Amino acid sequence: MHAETGYVGRNDMKIIAIGGGGFTHDAHPELDDFCLSATARGNPRLAFIGAASGDDPQKTARFNARFADVAETLVHLPMTLPAAQLARSLEQVDLVYVGGGDTEKMVAAWRREGWDKVLSEACRSGVILAGVSAGAVCWFDSFLFSSGKGAMRPLPGLGLIPIGACPHYSSETDRRAALHAAVGAQTMPASIAIDDGVAVAFENGLPTGICGAQAGAGAYVVRRGPQGVTEEYLSIG
């Protein structure tokens, strides 16, 4: 993927993308542990953003319950925060976890309120960005979005990782055909597709680690080549 995009890296950015699972889905706690291990701290300072689900209080409660015994501090960052206050809050955080929901509305709100720039700068400054579903794919150049109505379609992300992305690859069976079609039509670039129960860690835009918490689940690189669209298991190293 590195050679295909010509990407040379952007500071020391660490991002973890979860295809499905973790505390918000009440499944695969190993994925949460994988995120915690990225901080290299015994008691990291964690923040939760639930913008994609309209700051659903149930998901915030699950965040607090899951990490209460392992974190130094826990903070919920609601969309009511002005960008300047968000920036100050992120100065005291090691990892931000973004929950799932409506990716299109979330990214639009971030851009409208200036959160996109704040989160990108925080990542460049060393804050780890992690998340599931919407919170996984929003960091990429583009992502495959389903509103639940009509066909899936590509949408632009924040561009911190210079490829496309698709979550829930194993559990939502129409995603594979839609992603292959988008990559084939070049409406999405070469993309990573992530099954439920899998998390992929990126550093400076490149995959550096993978956690598989469900048997048979994986992550895949989907790209367009001379022979058409191909799909290969993501291998690290």
C-alpha atoms as a PDB file:
ATOM      1  CA  MET A   1       0.000   0.000   0.000  1.00  0.00           C
ATOM      2  CA  HIS A   2       2.890   2.321   0.697  1.00  0.00           C
ATOM      3  CA  ALA A   3       4.326   2.049  -2.815  1.00  0.00           C
ATOM      4  CA  GLU A   4       0.906   2.381  -4.424  1.00  0.00           C
ATOM      5  CA  THR A   5       0.039   5.638  -2.699  1.00  0.00           C
ATOM      6  CA  GLY A   6       3.499   7.170  -2.671  1.00  0.00           C
ATOM      7  CA  TYR A   7       2.908   8.032   0.970  1.00  0.00           C
ATOM      8  CA  VAL A   8       5.989   8.986   2.975  1.00  0.00           C
ATOM      9  CA  GLY A   9       4.543   9.469   6.454  1.00  0.00           C
ATOM     10  CA  ARG A  10       3.125  12.273   8.562  1.00  0.00           C
ATOM     11  CA  ASN A  11       4.896  12.721  11.882  1.00  0.00           C
ATOM     12  CA  ASP A  12       4.236   9.943  14.422  1.00  0.00           C
ATOM     13  CA  MET A  13       0.513   9.302  14.071  1.00  0.00           C
ATOM     14  CA  LYS A  14      -1.000   6.190  15.656  1.00  0.00           C
ATOM     15  CA  ILE A  15      -4.515   5.050  14.754  1.00  0.00           C
ATOM     16  CA  ILE A  16      -6.396   1.825  15.557  1.00  0.00           C
ATOM     17  CA  ALA A  17      -9.332   0.773  13.366  1.00  0.00           C
ATOM     18  CA  ILE A  18     -11.779  -1.873  14.635  1.00  0.00           C
ATOM     19  CA  GLY A  19     -14.091  -3.524  12.118  1.00  0.00           C
ATOM     20  CA  GLY A  20     -16.707  -4.374  14.752  1.00  0.00           C
ATOM     21  CA  GLY A  21     -16.742  -5.358  18.420  1.00  0.00           C
ATOM     22  CA  GLY A  22     -15.262  -3.996  21.609  1.00  0.00           C
ATOM     23  CA  PHE A  23     -17.060  -2.440  24.550  1.00  0.00           C
ATOM     24  CA  THR A  24     -19.695  -0.509  22.589  1.00  0.00           C
ATOM     25  CA  HIS A  25     -20.846  -3.784  21.023  1.00  0.00           C
ATOM     26  CA  ASP A  26     -20.337  -5.722  24.266  1.00  0.00           C
ATOM     27  CA  ALA A  27     -18.106  -8.192  22.390  1.00  0.00           C
ATOM     28  CA  HIS A  28     -14.448  -9.102  21.949  1.00  0.00           C
ATOM     29  CA  PRO A  29     -12.822  -7.351  24.941  1.00  0.00           C
ATOM     30  CA  GLU A  30      -9.446  -8.310  23.476  1.00  0.00           C
ATOM     31  CA  LEU A  31      -9.900  -5.472  20.997  1.00  0.00           C
ATOM     32  CA  ASP A  32     -10.164  -2.981  23.866  1.00  0.00           C
ATOM     33  CA  ASP A  33      -7.010  -4.449  25.406  1.00  0.00           C
ATOM     34  CA  PHE A  34      -5.243  -4.044  22.051  1.00  0.00           C
ATOM     35  CA  CYS A  35      -6.096  -0.333  22.110  1.00  0.00           C
ATOM     36  CA  LEU A  36      -4.878   0.028  25.689  1.00  0.00           C
ATOM     37  CA  SER A  37      -1.575  -1.675  24.874  1.00  0.00           C
ATOM     38  CA  ALA A  38      -0.850   0.958  22.224  1.00  0.00           C
ATOM     39  CA  THR A  39      -0.554   3.617  24.932  1.00  0.00           C
ATOM     40  CA  ALA A  40       2.344   1.784  26.636  1.00  0.00           C
ATOM     41  CA  ARG A  41       0.969   3.008  29.969  1.00  0.00           C
ATOM     42  CA  GLY A  42      -0.372   0.984  32.862  1.00  0.00           C
ATOM     43  CA  ASN A  43      -3.102   3.523  33.567  1.00  0.00           C
ATOM     44  CA  PRO A  44      -3.715   5.585  30.426  1.00  0.00           C
ATOM     45  CA  ARG A  45      -5.880   8.688  30.208  1.00  0.00           C
ATOM     46  CA  LEU A  46      -8.821   7.883  27.932  1.00  0.00           C
ATOM     47  CA  ALA A  47     -11.517   9.903  26.198  1.00  0.00           C
ATOM     48  CA  PHE A  48     -14.686   8.805  24.414  1.00  0.00           C
ATOM     49  CA  ILE A  49     -16.409  10.497  21.476  1.00  0.00           C
ATOM     50  CA  GLY A  50     -19.918   9.269  20.766  1.00  0.00           C
ATOM     51  CA  ALA A  51     -20.857  11.786  18.072  1.00  0.00           C
ATOM     52  CA  ALA A  52     -21.773   9.120  15.505  1.00  0.00           C
ATOM     53  CA  SER A  53     -24.535   7.815  17.784  1.00  0.00           C
ATOM     54  CA  GLY A  54     -25.749  11.227  18.920  1.00  0.00           C
ATOM     55  CA  ASP A  55     -23.804  10.948  22.203  1.00  0.00           C
ATOM     56  CA  ASP A  56     -25.855   7.930  23.239  1.00  0.00           C
ATOM     57  CA  PRO A  57     -25.584   7.809  27.062  1.00  0.00           C
ATOM     58  CA  GLN A  58     -25.634   4.004  27.038  1.00  0.00           C
ATOM     59  CA  LYS A  59     -22.394   3.895  25.048  1.00  0.00           C
ATOM     60  CA  THR A  60     -20.785   6.432  27.358  1.00  0.00           C
ATOM     61  CA  ALA A  61     -21.829   4.291  30.313  1.00  0.00           C
ATOM     62  CA  ARG A  62     -20.261   1.243  28.680  1.00  0.00           C
ATOM     63  CA  PHE A  63     -17.056   3.208  28.147  1.00  0.00           C
ATOM     64  CA  ASN A  64     -16.916   4.162  31.818  1.00  0.00           C
ATOM     65  CA  ALA A  65     -17.719   0.642  33.002  1.00  0.00           C
ATOM     66  CA  ARG A  66     -15.175  -1.026  30.707  1.00  0.00           C
ATOM     67  CA  PHE A  67     -12.204   1.155  31.602  1.00  0.00           C
ATOM     68  CA  ALA A  68     -12.931   2.349  35.153  1.00  0.00           C
ATOM     69  CA  ASP A  69     -10.442  -0.086  36.700  1.00  0.00           C
ATOM     70  CA  VAL A  70      -7.593   0.453  34.232  1.00  0.00           C
ATOM     71  CA  ALA A  71      -7.542   4.158  33.387  1.00  0.00           C
ATOM     72  CA  GLU A  72      -6.133   7.111  35.289  1.00  0.00           C
ATOM     73  CA  THR A  73      -8.875   9.350  33.925  1.00  0.00           C
ATOM     74  CA  LEU A  74     -11.972   8.899  31.763  1.00  0.00           C
ATOM     75  CA  VAL A  75     -13.669  11.747  29.944  1.00  0.00           C
ATOM     76  CA  HIS A  76     -16.613  11.993  27.565  1.00  0.00           C
ATOM     77  CA  LEU A  77     -16.206  14.605  24.819  1.00  0.00           C
ATOM     78  CA  PRO A  78     -19.700  15.588  23.561  1.00  0.00           C
ATOM     79  CA  MET A  79     -20.325  17.421  20.298  1.00  0.00           C
ATOM     80  CA  THR A  80     -21.455  20.444  22.316  1.00  0.00           C
ATOM     81  CA  LEU A  81     -17.808  21.239  23.060  1.00  0.00           C
ATOM     82  CA  PRO A  82     -16.345  24.139  21.065  1.00  0.00           C
ATOM     83  CA  ALA A  83     -13.236  23.202  19.111  1.00  0.00           C
ATOM     84  CA  ALA A  84     -10.970  25.240  21.400  1.00  0.00           C
ATOM     85  CA  GLN A  85     -12.247  23.397  24.482  1.00  0.00           C
ATOM     86  CA  LEU A  86     -11.842  20.067  22.691  1.00  0.00           C
ATOM     87  CA  ALA A  87      -8.219  20.947  21.963  1.00  0.00           C
ATOM     88  CA  ARG A  88      -7.555  21.736  25.626  1.00  0.00           C
ATOM     89  CA  SER A  89      -9.184  18.479  26.718  1.00  0.00           C
ATOM     90  CA  LEU A  90      -7.067  16.435  24.304  1.00  0.00           C
ATOM     91  CA  GLU A  91      -3.882  17.834  25.831  1.00  0.00           C
ATOM     92  CA  GLN A  92      -4.652  15.646  28.869  1.00  0.00           C
ATOM     93  CA  VAL A  93      -5.443  12.437  26.958  1.00  0.00           C
ATOM     94  CA  ASP A  94      -3.370   9.474  25.756  1.00  0.00           C
ATOM     95  CA  LEU A  95      -6.040   7.798  23.612  1.00  0.00           C
ATOM     96  CA  VAL A  96      -9.365   8.880  22.118  1.00  0.00           C
ATOM     97  CA  TYR A  97     -11.915   6.174  21.327  1.00  0.00           C
ATOM     98  CA  VAL A  98     -14.622   7.029  18.793  1.00  0.00           C
ATOM     99  CA  GLY A  99     -17.794   4.950  18.765  1.00  0.00           C
ATOM    100  CA  GLY A 100     -19.890   3.771  15.851  1.00  0.00           C
ATOM    101  CA  GLY A 101     -23.042   5.106  14.244  1.00  0.00           C
ATOM    102  CA  ASP A 102     -23.677   7.502  11.375  1.00  0.00           C
ATOM    103  CA  THR A 103     -20.246   8.278   9.908  1.00  0.00           C
ATOM    104  CA  GLU A 104     -21.560  10.782   7.395  1.00  0.00           C
ATOM    105  CA  LYS A 105     -23.287  12.945  10.011  1.00  0.00           C
ATOM    106  CA  MET A 106     -20.346  12.666  12.399  1.00  0.00           C
ATOM    107  CA  VAL A 107     -17.711  13.769   9.893  1.00  0.00           C
ATOM    108  CA  ALA A 108     -19.964  16.585   8.661  1.00  0.00           C
ATOM    109  CA  ALA A 109     -20.408  17.818  12.241  1.00  0.00           C
ATOM    110  CA  TRP A 110     -16.675  17.622  12.878  1.00  0.00           C
ATOM    111  CA  ARG A 111     -15.960  19.715   9.800  1.00  0.00           C
ATOM    112  CA  ARG A 112     -18.668  22.221  10.646  1.00  0.00           C
ATOM    113  CA  GLU A 113     -17.420  22.693  14.223  1.00  0.00           C
ATOM    114  CA  GLY A 114     -13.698  22.483  13.481  1.00  0.00           C
ATOM    115  CA  TRP A 115     -13.248  19.172  15.293  1.00  0.00           C
ATOM    116  CA  ASP A 116     -11.603  17.593  12.238  1.00  0.00           C
ATOM    117  CA  LYS A 117      -8.608  19.920  12.482  1.00  0.00           C
ATOM    118  CA  VAL A 118      -8.336  19.548  16.254  1.00  0.00           C
ATOM    119  CA  LEU A 119      -8.416  15.743  16.141  1.00  0.00           C
ATOM    120  CA  SER A 120      -5.909  15.626  13.281  1.00  0.00           C
ATOM    121  CA  GLU A 121      -3.528  17.926  15.133  1.00  0.00           C
ATOM    122  CA  ALA A 122      -3.915  15.926  18.332  1.00  0.00           C
ATOM    123  CA  CYS A 123      -2.966  12.768  16.441  1.00  0.00           C
ATOM    124  CA  ARG A 124       0.106  14.479  15.004  1.00  0.00           C
ATOM    125  CA  SER A 125       1.000  15.537  18.543  1.00  0.00           C
ATOM    126  CA  GLY A 126       0.957  11.972  19.859  1.00  0.00           C
ATOM    127  CA  VAL A 127      -2.630  11.284  20.933  1.00  0.00           C
ATOM    128  CA  ILE A 128      -3.699   7.832  19.733  1.00  0.00           C
ATOM    129  CA  LEU A 129      -6.956   7.747  17.768  1.00  0.00           C
ATOM    130  CA  ALA A 130      -8.985   4.542  17.988  1.00  0.00           C
ATOM    131  CA  GLY A 131     -12.516   3.507  17.230  1.00  0.00           C
ATOM    132  CA  VAL A 132     -15.001   1.037  15.864  1.00  0.00           C
ATOM    133  CA  SER A 133     -17.112   1.155  12.691  1.00  0.00           C
ATOM    134  CA  ALA A 134     -17.669   4.893  12.088  1.00  0.00           C
ATOM    135  CA  GLY A 135     -14.881   5.583  14.574  1.00  0.00           C
ATOM    136  CA  ALA A 136     -12.583   3.270  12.629  1.00  0.00           C
ATOM    137  CA  VAL A 137     -13.059   4.444   9.049  1.00  0.00           C
ATOM    138  CA  CYS A 138     -13.396   8.216   9.530  1.00  0.00           C
ATOM    139  CA  TRP A 139      -9.592   8.626   9.642  1.00  0.00           C
ATOM    140  CA  PHE A 140      -9.027   7.297   6.097  1.00  0.00           C
ATOM    141  CA  ASP A 141      -9.010   9.144   2.777  1.00  0.00           C
ATOM    142  CA  SER A 142     -12.419   7.637   2.017  1.00  0.00           C
ATOM    143  CA  PHE A 143     -14.804   5.091   3.464  1.00  0.00           C
ATOM    144  CA  LEU A 144     -17.707   2.970   2.280  1.00  0.00           C
ATOM    145  CA  PHE A 145     -20.862   4.289   3.925  1.00  0.00           C
ATOM    146  CA  SER A 146     -24.281   2.719   4.408  1.00  0.00           C
ATOM    147  CA  SER A 147     -27.149   4.828   5.711  1.00  0.00           C
ATOM    148  CA  GLY A 148     -29.455   1.843   5.807  1.00  0.00           C
ATOM    149  CA  LYS A 149     -31.338   3.290   2.826  1.00  0.00           C
ATOM    150  CA  GLY A 150     -30.237   2.861  -0.777  1.00  0.00           C
ATOM    151  CA  ALA A 151     -26.882   1.682  -2.079  1.00  0.00           C
ATOM    152  CA  MET A 152     -23.611   2.005  -0.202  1.00  0.00           C
ATOM    153  CA  ARG A 153     -21.462   4.878  -1.380  1.00  0.00           C
ATOM    154  CA  PRO A 154     -17.941   6.217  -0.885  1.00  0.00           C
ATOM    155  CA  LEU A 155     -17.494   9.357   1.216  1.00  0.00           C
ATOM    156  CA  PRO A 156     -14.384  11.399   2.067  1.00  0.00           C
ATOM    157  CA  GLY A 157     -12.759  10.933   5.464  1.00  0.00           C
ATOM    158  CA  LEU A 158     -10.187  12.990   7.350  1.00  0.00           C
ATOM    159  CA  GLY A 159      -7.298  11.713   5.222  1.00  0.00           C
ATOM    160  CA  LEU A 160      -4.910  10.727   8.021  1.00  0.00           C
ATOM    161  CA  ILE A 161      -4.474   7.291   6.423  1.00  0.00           C
ATOM    162  CA  PRO A 162      -4.062   7.515   2.626  1.00  0.00           C
ATOM    163  CA  ILE A 163      -6.267   4.592   1.564  1.00  0.00           C
ATOM    164  CA  GLY A 164      -9.947   3.664   1.725  1.00  0.00           C
ATOM    165  CA  ALA A 165     -11.642   1.654   4.465  1.00  0.00           C
ATOM    166  CA  CYS A 166     -14.652  -0.571   5.072  1.00  0.00           C
ATOM    167  CA  PRO A 167     -15.818  -2.009   8.443  1.00  0.00           C
ATOM    168  CA  HIS A 168     -18.131  -4.945   9.227  1.00  0.00           C
ATOM    169  CA  TYR A 169     -16.758  -6.829   6.232  1.00  0.00           C
ATOM    170  CA  SER A 170     -17.766 -10.229   7.614  1.00  0.00           C
ATOM    171  CA  SER A 171     -21.141  -9.404   9.141  1.00  0.00           C
ATOM    172  CA  GLU A 172     -22.726  -7.206   6.432  1.00  0.00           C
ATOM    173  CA  THR A 173     -22.525  -9.412   3.379  1.00  0.00           C
ATOM    174  CA  ASP A 174     -23.301  -6.754   0.751  1.00  0.00           C
ATOM    175  CA  ARG A 175     -20.205  -4.762   1.671  1.00  0.00           C
ATOM    176  CA  ARG A 176     -17.782  -6.961  -0.266  1.00  0.00           C
ATOM    177  CA  ALA A 177     -19.494  -6.473  -3.624  1.00  0.00           C
ATOM    178  CA  ALA A 178     -19.959  -2.748  -2.979  1.00  0.00           C
ATOM    179  CA  LEU A 179     -16.314  -2.224  -2.035  1.00  0.00           C
ATOM    180  CA  HIS A 180     -15.014  -4.214  -5.008  1.00  0.00           C
ATOM    181  CA  ALA A 181     -17.258  -2.199  -7.317  1.00  0.00           C
ATOM    182  CA  ALA A 182     -16.090   1.132  -5.857  1.00  0.00           C
ATOM    183  CA  VAL A 183     -12.408   0.202  -6.066  1.00  0.00           C
ATOM    184  CA  GLY A 184     -12.913  -1.136  -9.596  1.00  0.00           C
ATOM    185  CA  ALA A 185     -14.619   2.086 -10.666  1.00  0.00           C
ATOM    186  CA  GLN A 186     -11.888   4.105  -8.907  1.00  0.00           C
ATOM    187  CA  THR A 187     -14.424   5.958  -6.783  1.00  0.00           C
ATOM    188  CA  MET A 188     -12.421   4.570  -3.869  1.00  0.00           C
ATOM    189  CA  PRO A 189      -8.664   4.024  -3.743  1.00  0.00           C
ATOM    190  CA  ALA A 190      -6.995   0.806  -2.661  1.00  0.00           C
ATOM    191  CA  SER A 191      -8.763  -0.020   0.597  1.00  0.00           C
ATOM    192  CA  ILE A 192      -8.576  -2.041   3.765  1.00  0.00           C
ATOM    193  CA  ALA A 193     -11.620  -4.122   4.694  1.00  0.00           C
ATOM    194  CA  ILE A 194     -11.890  -5.218   8.326  1.00  0.00           C
ATOM    195  CA  ASP A 195     -14.034  -8.034   9.685  1.00  0.00           C
ATOM    196  CA  ASP A 196     -15.910  -7.853  12.969  1.00  0.00           C
ATOM    197  CA  GLY A 197     -13.658  -9.059  15.760  1.00  0.00           C
ATOM    198  CA  VAL A 198     -10.531  -7.557  14.202  1.00  0.00           C
ATOM    199  CA  ALA A 199      -8.505  -4.412  14.899  1.00  0.00           C
ATOM    200  CA  VAL A 200      -5.677  -3.031  12.776  1.00  0.00           C
ATOM    201  CA  ALA A 201      -3.078  -0.593  14.120  1.00  0.00           C
ATOM    202  CA  PHE A 202      -1.526   2.022  11.855  1.00  0.00           C
ATOM    203  CA  GLU A 203       1.523   4.192  12.393  1.00  0.00           C
ATOM    204  CA  ASN A 204       2.232   7.061  10.009  1.00  0.00           C
ATOM    205  CA  GLY A 205      -0.403   5.663   7.662  1.00  0.00           C
ATOM    206  CA  LEU A 206       1.018   2.147   7.459  1.00  0.00           C
ATOM    207  CA  PRO A 207      -0.375  -1.013   9.111  1.00  0.00           C
ATOM    208  CA  THR A 208       1.879  -2.139  11.955  1.00  0.00           C
ATOM    209  CA  GLY A 209      -0.198  -4.619  13.956  1.00  0.00           C
ATOM    210  CA  ILE A 210      -3.361  -6.661  13.911  1.00  0.00           C
ATOM    211  CA  CYS A 211      -5.537  -8.197  16.626  1.00  0.00           C
ATOM    212  CA  GLY A 212      -7.876 -11.019  15.743  1.00  0.00           C
ATOM    213  CA  ALA A 213     -10.406 -11.787  18.481  1.00  0.00           C
ATOM    214  CA  GLN A 214     -12.731 -13.988  16.437  1.00  0.00           C
ATOM    215  CA  ALA A 215     -11.842 -17.258  14.768  1.00  0.00           C
ATOM    216  CA  GLY A 216     -11.549 -16.999  11.006  1.00  0.00           C
ATOM    217  CA  ALA A 217     -11.788 -13.202  10.976  1.00  0.00           C
ATOM    218  CA  GLY A 218      -9.189 -11.001   9.301  1.00  0.00           C
ATOM    219  CA  ALA A 219      -8.446  -7.822   7.404  1.00  0.00           C
ATOM    220  CA  TYR A 220      -7.979  -7.571   3.653  1.00  0.00           C
ATOM    221  CA  VAL A 221      -6.410  -5.264   1.105  1.00  0.00           C
ATOM    222  CA  VAL A 222      -8.676  -4.600  -1.887  1.00  0.00           C
ATOM    223  CA  ARG A 223      -7.006  -2.952  -4.875  1.00  0.00           C
ATOM    224  CA  ARG A 224      -7.436  -2.471  -8.604  1.00  0.00           C
ATOM    225  CA  GLY A 225      -4.793  -3.912 -10.921  1.00  0.00           C
ATOM    226  CA  PRO A 226      -4.271  -5.009 -14.526  1.00  0.00           C
ATOM    227  CA  GLN A 227      -6.337  -8.148 -13.936  1.00  0.00           C
ATOM    228  CA  GLY A 228      -9.167  -6.304 -12.183  1.00  0.00           C
ATOM    229  CA  VAL A 229      -9.946  -5.989  -8.498  1.00  0.00           C
ATOM    230  CA  THR A 230      -8.046  -8.285  -6.140  1.00  0.00           C
ATOM    231  CA  GLU A 231      -8.452  -9.083  -2.450  1.00  0.00           C
ATOM    232  CA  GLU A 232      -5.608 -10.318  -0.253  1.00  0.00           C
ATOM    233  CA  TYR A 233      -5.237 -10.990   3.463  1.00  0.00           C
ATOM    234  CA  LEU A 234      -3.448  -8.168   5.223  1.00  0.00           C
ATOM    235  CA  SER A 235      -0.131  -9.430   6.531  1.00  0.00           C
ATOM    236  CA  ILE A 236       2.101  -7.474   8.889  1.00  0.00           C
ATOM    237  CA  GLY A 237       5.868  -7.620   8.489  1.00  0.00           C
END
